Protein backbone atom coordinates (compact mmCIF):
# COMPACT_ATOMS: atom_id res chain seq x y z
CA MET A 1 -0.07 -0.02 -0.01
CA THR A 2 2.85 2.40 0.70
CA GLU A 3 4.05 1.96 -2.95
CA HIS A 4 0.79 3.17 -4.34
CA THR A 5 0.89 6.45 -6.32
CA GLY A 6 -1.76 8.46 -7.89
CA PRO A 7 -5.48 8.39 -7.34
CA TRP A 8 -7.10 5.09 -5.91
CA THR A 9 -9.56 3.12 -8.01
CA VAL A 10 -12.10 0.44 -7.12
CA ALA A 11 -9.83 -2.06 -8.85
CA ASP A 12 -6.88 -0.92 -6.65
CA ILE A 13 -8.98 -1.45 -3.48
CA LEU A 14 -10.31 -4.85 -4.60
CA THR A 15 -6.77 -6.08 -5.29
CA LEU A 16 -5.60 -5.28 -1.75
CA PRO A 17 -4.83 -8.42 0.38
CA GLU A 18 -7.65 -9.29 2.85
CA ASP A 19 -6.82 -7.59 6.09
CA ARG A 20 -8.74 -8.17 9.26
CA THR A 21 -7.16 -5.23 10.95
CA ALA A 22 -8.73 -2.59 8.78
CA ARG A 23 -11.61 -1.91 6.48
CA PHE A 24 -10.66 -0.13 3.15
CA GLU A 25 -13.16 2.12 1.41
CA LEU A 26 -12.89 4.43 -1.58
CA LEU A 27 -14.54 7.93 -1.47
CA GLY A 28 -13.91 9.65 -4.81
CA GLU A 29 -10.20 8.86 -5.34
CA SER A 30 -9.26 8.68 -1.71
CA LEU A 31 -8.52 5.56 0.19
CA VAL A 32 -10.25 5.49 3.76
CA MET A 33 -9.03 2.99 6.31
CA SER A 34 -11.04 2.23 9.42
CA PRO A 35 -10.00 0.23 12.35
CA PRO A 36 -11.71 -3.17 12.85
CA PRO A 37 -14.90 -3.16 14.84
CA GLY A 38 -14.85 -4.18 18.56
CA VAL A 39 -16.72 -6.91 20.43
CA ARG A 40 -19.75 -4.80 21.28
CA HIS A 41 -20.08 -3.57 17.64
CA GLN A 42 -19.67 -7.19 16.34
CA ARG A 43 -22.23 -8.58 18.84
CA ALA A 44 -24.80 -6.08 17.89
CA SER A 45 -24.19 -6.42 14.15
CA PHE A 46 -24.66 -10.23 14.45
CA ARG A 47 -27.75 -10.00 16.42
CA LEU A 48 -29.27 -7.30 14.11
CA HIS A 49 -28.31 -9.41 11.11
CA VAL A 50 -30.22 -12.40 12.62
CA ALA A 51 -33.26 -10.24 13.40
CA LEU A 52 -33.32 -8.75 9.83
CA GLU A 53 -32.85 -12.22 8.30
CA ALA A 54 -35.79 -13.64 10.30
CA ALA A 55 -38.09 -10.66 9.50
CA ALA A 56 -37.18 -10.86 5.71
CA ARG A 57 -37.94 -14.66 5.84
CA ALA A 58 -41.21 -14.00 7.60
CA ALA A 59 -42.20 -11.53 5.07
CA GLY A 60 -41.08 -13.68 2.12
CA ALA A 61 -38.78 -10.87 0.98
CA PRO A 62 -36.41 -11.95 -1.84
CA VAL A 63 -33.29 -10.45 -0.15
CA GLU A 64 -30.05 -11.40 1.43
CA VAL A 65 -28.74 -9.84 4.47
CA LEU A 66 -24.92 -9.35 4.54
CA GLU A 67 -22.33 -7.97 6.87
CA GLY A 68 -19.27 -6.09 5.94
CA VAL A 69 -19.64 -6.51 2.18
CA ASN A 70 -18.17 -4.26 -0.58
CA VAL A 71 -20.82 -2.02 -2.00
CA LEU A 72 -20.09 -0.24 -5.28
CA LEU A 73 -21.18 3.30 -5.37
CA PRO A 74 -21.03 5.81 -8.42
CA SER A 75 -18.46 7.73 -6.40
CA GLY A 76 -16.40 4.65 -4.87
CA LEU A 77 -16.66 1.71 -2.70
CA VAL A 78 -17.96 1.44 0.84
CA VAL A 79 -18.15 -1.33 3.41
CA PRO A 80 -21.37 -0.87 5.33
CA ASP A 81 -21.88 -2.73 8.57
CA LEU A 82 -25.09 -4.46 7.29
CA VAL A 83 -26.75 -4.53 3.90
CA VAL A 84 -30.02 -5.88 2.81
CA ALA A 85 -29.76 -6.56 -0.90
CA ASP A 86 -31.94 -8.08 -3.60
CA ALA A 87 -31.16 -11.89 -3.77
CA GLY A 88 -30.71 -11.85 -7.41
CA ALA A 89 -27.81 -9.41 -7.08
CA THR A 90 -25.95 -11.77 -4.79
CA ALA A 91 -26.61 -15.16 -6.36
CA ASP A 92 -23.41 -15.40 -8.27
CA ASP A 93 -21.22 -14.55 -5.17
CA PRO A 94 -19.83 -11.33 -6.54
CA VAL A 95 -16.91 -9.46 -4.88
CA THR A 96 -19.12 -6.31 -4.78
CA VAL A 97 -22.77 -5.64 -4.51
CA ASP A 98 -24.00 -2.80 -6.72
CA ILE A 99 -25.68 0.01 -4.73
CA ASP A 100 -28.77 -0.22 -7.06
CA ALA A 101 -29.50 -3.69 -5.49
CA VAL A 102 -29.33 -2.39 -2.02
CA GLN A 103 -32.70 -1.90 -0.12
CA LEU A 104 -31.36 -0.93 3.28
CA VAL A 105 -27.98 0.10 4.73
CA VAL A 106 -27.19 -0.17 8.50
CA GLU A 107 -24.15 1.60 10.07
CA LEU A 108 -23.24 0.89 13.68
CA VAL A 109 -21.63 4.04 14.98
CA SER A 110 -18.09 3.36 16.25
CA PRO A 111 -15.96 5.78 18.30
CA GLY A 112 -13.43 6.08 15.40
CA ASN A 113 -16.12 6.47 12.61
CA ARG A 114 -18.73 8.84 14.06
CA THR A 115 -18.40 11.43 11.28
CA MET A 116 -18.44 8.79 8.54
CA ASP A 117 -21.40 6.90 10.01
CA ARG A 118 -23.53 9.93 10.85
CA LYS A 119 -22.85 12.33 7.91
CA VAL A 120 -20.67 11.19 5.15
CA LYS A 121 -22.06 7.70 4.44
CA PRO A 122 -25.76 8.64 4.85
CA MET A 123 -25.34 11.45 2.25
CA LEU A 124 -23.68 8.93 -0.22
CA TYR A 125 -26.49 6.53 0.33
CA ALA A 126 -29.13 9.07 -0.27
CA GLU A 127 -27.34 10.26 -3.39
CA ALA A 128 -27.43 6.61 -4.60
CA ALA A 129 -31.14 6.36 -3.71
CA VAL A 130 -30.95 3.55 -1.10
CA PRO A 131 -34.62 3.54 0.08
CA TYR A 132 -33.74 2.92 3.85
CA PHE A 133 -30.91 3.74 6.15
CA TRP A 134 -30.66 2.79 9.84
CA ARG A 135 -28.05 4.03 12.32
CA LEU A 136 -27.39 2.10 15.63
CA GLU A 137 -25.91 4.35 18.29
CA PHE A 138 -24.32 2.69 21.40
CA ASP A 139 -23.73 5.74 23.75
CA PRO A 140 -25.09 6.67 26.10
CA ALA A 141 -27.53 3.73 25.63
CA PRO A 142 -28.33 1.62 22.43
CA MET A 143 -30.65 3.52 20.06
CA LEU A 144 -31.76 2.65 16.56
CA VAL A 145 -32.58 5.70 14.24
CA VAL A 146 -34.67 4.64 11.19
CA TYR A 147 -34.65 6.75 8.06
CA GLU A 148 -36.50 6.51 4.83
CA LEU A 149 -35.52 8.27 1.57
CA ASP A 150 -37.96 11.04 0.67
CA GLY A 151 -37.16 13.56 -2.09
CA GLY A 152 -33.50 12.50 -2.23
CA ARG A 153 -33.00 12.97 1.48
CA TYR A 154 -33.28 10.74 4.53
CA VAL A 155 -36.33 11.58 6.75
CA GLU A 156 -36.25 10.06 10.29
CA ARG A 157 -39.24 7.80 10.51
CA ALA A 158 -38.64 6.05 14.03
CA THR A 159 -36.29 5.89 16.86
CA ALA A 160 -36.00 2.77 18.84
CA LEU A 161 -34.80 3.33 22.24
CA ALA A 162 -33.10 0.86 24.66
CA GLY A 163 -35.75 -0.84 26.91
CA ALA A 164 -38.69 -0.15 24.59
CA THR A 165 -39.83 -2.51 21.99
CA THR A 166 -40.43 -0.69 18.73
CA HIS A 167 -42.36 -2.05 15.58
CA LEU A 168 -40.85 -1.15 12.25
CA ASP A 169 -42.78 -1.62 9.00
CA ALA A 170 -40.07 -1.15 6.30
CA PRO A 171 -38.35 -2.62 4.43
CA PHE A 172 -40.43 -5.35 6.14
CA PRO A 173 -42.16 -5.74 9.43
CA MET A 174 -40.08 -6.48 12.44
CA THR A 175 -39.95 -5.74 16.14
CA ILE A 176 -36.77 -4.62 18.03
CA ASP A 177 -35.43 -3.42 21.32
CA PRO A 178 -31.89 -2.07 20.81
CA ALA A 179 -31.04 -2.75 24.38
CA GLY A 180 -30.76 -6.57 23.54
CA LEU A 181 -28.31 -6.00 20.63
CA SER A 182 -25.06 -5.21 22.42
CA ARG A 183 -25.78 -6.71 25.89
CA GLN A 184 -23.65 -9.69 26.73
């Protein structure tokens, strides 16, 4: 990586060796490296993945729920924490998922990625017309903020607070209490 010169491309990122110590994303022509997620983050990601998968199956939705997958944007490449994508777009086990096949993106806010998860990535997802965006906050208590695309911008539709069960209707019906996502 230290020998790379010039602007980065998606092809450059995809040829990097797999690295469990960092996530690599491409915003424009800039390489963005993020530290690996911690235990609380991974616990919550796994549990939310399971809940989304169960809700999708119950609704008969033809989707696949994926964690930490490469998503190809018009302006680069991102690695969201969770993605709900059209099942047909993942059938051939691609290296990347095209953003047009993504119905929902979930970002779990980490201490080192707050600005990216709260501001930069939601803007990119809205520009790419991803219908739903969820953001899971951990501090001071787990909270899931649910957004829906409306007129090219995300509008907050619900906030699920720790200790309260919240019913969500989209992209498919499910019930969630964020407190149970990160608790050991």
